[in-house]
């Protein structure tokens, strides 16, 4: 059972530089539909540990949930690049599949780059 958001926030207050706690907060906020808060927490996790491949996948999902598709695409692209560097296959493959779907949904002439 995941920790409640308020408990994770209390833990972060004790150790604000713990990327895993920010990741956990981002996941909890994402599951609660609190997309802006999820984005903030996941961006903090990535700022603390830029090669935290697993954080890019929920970041992209949170950006999508917040209606920020133009930001979700580069988040997935960055996550895929990090995943290829680190060898994190599972989150990388999830992001590749999601990115492919988003690109198919993007209108022609949109801001996303082709494959």
Protein backbone atom coordinates (compact mmCIF):
# COMPACT_ATOMS: atom_id res chain seq x y z
CA UNK A 1 0.00 0.00 0.00
CA UNK A 2 1.49 3.36 -1.01
CA UNK A 3 2.15 5.98 1.63
CA UNK A 4 -0.37 8.83 1.91
CA UNK A 5 0.69 12.10 0.31
CA UNK A 6 0.86 13.96 3.62
CA UNK A 7 3.18 11.35 5.10
CA UNK A 8 5.51 11.53 2.10
CA UNK A 9 5.54 15.32 2.41
CA UNK A 10 6.55 15.01 6.08
CA UNK A 11 9.38 12.67 5.10
CA UNK A 12 10.54 15.12 2.44
CA UNK A 13 10.61 17.87 5.07
CA UNK A 14 13.11 15.70 6.97
CA UNK A 15 15.22 14.94 3.89
CA UNK A 16 14.45 17.39 1.05
CA UNK A 17 17.26 16.05 -1.15
CA UNK A 18 16.00 12.48 -1.36
CA UNK A 19 15.05 11.87 -5.00
CA UNK A 20 13.23 8.65 -4.10
CA UNK A 21 10.88 10.52 -1.77
CA UNK A 22 10.11 13.10 -4.46
CA UNK A 23 9.49 10.25 -6.90
CA UNK A 24 7.12 8.62 -4.39
CA UNK A 25 5.30 11.92 -3.91
CA UNK A 26 5.00 12.36 -7.66
CA UNK A 27 3.58 8.86 -8.07
CA UNK A 28 1.09 9.40 -5.22
CA UNK A 29 -0.04 12.74 -6.63
CA UNK A 30 -0.36 11.25 -10.12
CA UNK A 31 -2.56 8.44 -8.78
CA UNK A 32 -4.67 11.03 -6.93
CA UNK A 33 -5.12 13.09 -10.12
CA UNK A 34 -3.12 15.98 -8.69
CA UNK A 35 -1.17 16.44 -11.90
CA UNK A 36 0.50 19.81 -11.28
CA UNK A 37 1.83 18.59 -7.94
CA UNK A 38 2.98 15.34 -9.53
CA UNK A 39 4.88 17.27 -12.21
CA UNK A 40 6.58 19.41 -9.58
CA UNK A 41 7.62 16.43 -7.43
CA UNK A 42 8.88 14.39 -10.38
CA UNK A 43 10.80 17.31 -11.83
CA UNK A 44 12.46 17.70 -8.41
CA UNK A 45 13.35 13.99 -8.35
CA UNK A 46 14.95 14.33 -11.77
CA UNK A 47 16.76 17.53 -10.79
CA UNK A 48 18.27 15.68 -7.83
CA UNK A 49 19.10 12.55 -9.86
CA UNK A 50 19.08 13.31 -13.61
CA UNK A 51 19.65 9.65 -14.55
CA UNK A 52 16.55 8.50 -12.61
CA UNK A 53 14.98 6.86 -15.67
CA UNK A 54 11.89 5.63 -13.86
CA UNK A 55 10.88 9.21 -12.95
CA UNK A 56 10.51 10.31 -16.56
CA UNK A 57 7.65 7.89 -17.31
CA UNK A 58 5.26 9.23 -14.63
CA UNK A 59 6.46 12.78 -15.39
CA UNK A 60 5.23 12.37 -18.96
CA UNK A 61 1.94 10.91 -17.72
CA UNK A 62 1.49 13.78 -15.24
CA UNK A 63 2.19 16.35 -17.97
CA UNK A 64 -0.39 14.65 -20.16
CA UNK A 65 -2.88 14.65 -17.29
CA UNK A 66 -2.27 18.37 -16.80
CA UNK A 67 -3.04 18.91 -20.50
CA UNK A 68 0.58 19.76 -21.29
CA UNK A 69 1.12 17.43 -24.26
CA UNK A 70 3.71 19.76 -25.80
CA UNK A 71 5.79 19.28 -22.64
CA UNK A 72 5.10 15.54 -22.27
CA UNK A 73 6.73 14.67 -25.59
CA UNK A 74 10.18 16.13 -24.73
CA UNK A 75 9.93 14.63 -21.23
CA UNK A 76 9.49 11.18 -22.77
CA UNK A 77 12.29 11.89 -25.26
CA UNK A 78 14.68 12.85 -22.43
CA UNK A 79 13.63 9.79 -20.45
CA UNK A 80 14.24 7.51 -23.42
CA UNK A 81 17.71 8.99 -23.92
CA UNK A 82 18.53 8.50 -20.23
CA UNK A 83 17.11 4.98 -20.31
CA UNK A 84 19.30 4.07 -23.25
CA UNK A 85 22.35 5.39 -21.37
CA UNK A 86 21.51 3.56 -18.15
CA UNK A 87 20.15 0.38 -19.71
CA UNK A 88 16.78 0.72 -17.93
CA UNK A 89 14.77 -1.31 -20.42
CA UNK A 90 11.28 -1.40 -18.89
CA UNK A 91 10.65 2.33 -18.35
CA UNK A 92 12.40 3.08 -21.64
CA UNK A 93 10.13 0.74 -23.60
CA UNK A 94 7.03 2.17 -21.88
CA UNK A 95 8.08 5.70 -22.82
CA UNK A 96 8.87 4.68 -26.40
CA UNK A 97 5.40 3.15 -26.80
CA UNK A 98 3.68 6.20 -25.28
CA UNK A 99 5.72 8.62 -27.36
CA UNK A 100 4.82 6.72 -30.52
CA UNK A 101 1.10 6.97 -29.63
CA UNK A 102 1.38 10.68 -28.86
CA UNK A 103 3.13 11.38 -32.14
CA UNK A 104 0.39 9.55 -34.04
CA UNK A 105 -2.20 11.69 -32.23
CA UNK A 106 -0.38 14.97 -32.93
CA UNK A 107 -1.90 17.00 -35.74
CA UNK A 108 0.12 17.32 -38.95
CA UNK A 109 2.46 20.29 -38.80
CA UNK A 110 2.42 20.20 -34.98
CA UNK A 111 5.41 20.97 -32.82
CA UNK A 112 6.52 17.38 -32.25
CA UNK A 113 9.42 15.95 -34.18
CA UNK A 114 8.91 12.98 -36.49
CA UNK A 115 10.51 9.61 -35.63
